[in-house]
């Protein structure tokens, strides 16, 4: 599984961190960062992202 965040789209709302605190964190830039590639909650976080900034392959 590959999880990535498009930093140009990310608005830093924190929904992904709320859904998967072990898989994502808020970075110093105020944008989300991926912590764990093999994250069973990543798909849920991706569909919950209001700007669709998370890609799961």
Protein backbone atom coordinates (compact mmCIF):
# COMPACT_ATOMS: atom_id res chain seq x y z
CA UNK A 1 0.00 0.00 0.00
CA UNK A 2 1.23 3.48 -0.86
CA UNK A 3 -0.22 6.53 0.87
CA UNK A 4 0.59 10.08 -0.19
CA UNK A 5 -0.67 13.59 0.48
CA UNK A 6 -0.81 16.31 -2.14
CA UNK A 7 0.58 19.28 -0.18
CA UNK A 8 -0.86 21.73 -2.72
CA UNK A 9 -4.38 20.47 -1.97
CA UNK A 10 -4.07 19.84 1.78
CA UNK A 11 -5.76 22.53 3.88
CA UNK A 12 -4.57 21.15 7.23
CA UNK A 13 -8.04 20.39 8.58
CA UNK A 14 -6.79 17.35 10.54
CA UNK A 15 -9.55 14.90 9.60
CA UNK A 16 -6.95 12.30 8.58
CA UNK A 17 -5.20 12.61 11.94
CA UNK A 18 -8.52 12.25 13.76
CA UNK A 19 -9.33 9.09 11.81
CA UNK A 20 -5.84 7.60 11.92
CA UNK A 21 -3.51 9.20 14.49
CA UNK A 22 -0.92 6.45 13.98
CA UNK A 23 -0.96 6.91 10.20
CA UNK A 24 -0.92 10.70 9.87
CA UNK A 25 0.34 13.75 11.75
CA UNK A 26 0.17 17.48 11.30
CA UNK A 27 3.55 18.78 10.19
CA UNK A 28 5.29 22.01 11.08
CA UNK A 29 3.92 23.54 7.87
CA UNK A 30 0.35 22.99 9.10
CA UNK A 31 -0.22 20.32 6.47
CA UNK A 32 -0.76 16.60 7.02
CA UNK A 33 2.11 14.13 6.72
CA UNK A 34 2.06 10.37 6.30
CA UNK A 35 3.57 8.43 9.21
CA UNK A 36 2.67 4.88 8.24
CA UNK A 37 2.40 3.51 4.69
CA UNK A 38 0.75 0.23 5.75
CA UNK A 39 -2.24 1.90 7.33
CA UNK A 40 -5.59 0.12 7.37
CA UNK A 41 -7.41 3.42 8.05
CA UNK A 42 -5.81 5.29 5.12
CA UNK A 43 -8.68 4.58 2.72
CA UNK A 44 -11.20 5.92 5.22
CA UNK A 45 -9.06 9.01 5.76
CA UNK A 46 -8.77 9.52 1.99
CA UNK A 47 -12.52 9.39 1.43
CA UNK A 48 -13.09 11.69 4.43
CA UNK A 49 -10.60 14.33 3.28
CA UNK A 50 -12.68 17.37 2.27
CA UNK A 51 -10.27 18.32 -0.53
CA UNK A 52 -9.31 14.77 -1.62
CA UNK A 53 -5.61 15.40 -0.92
CA UNK A 54 -4.88 11.80 0.15
CA UNK A 55 -4.09 9.12 -2.41
CA UNK A 56 -4.02 5.42 -1.50
CA UNK A 57 -2.69 2.91 -4.03
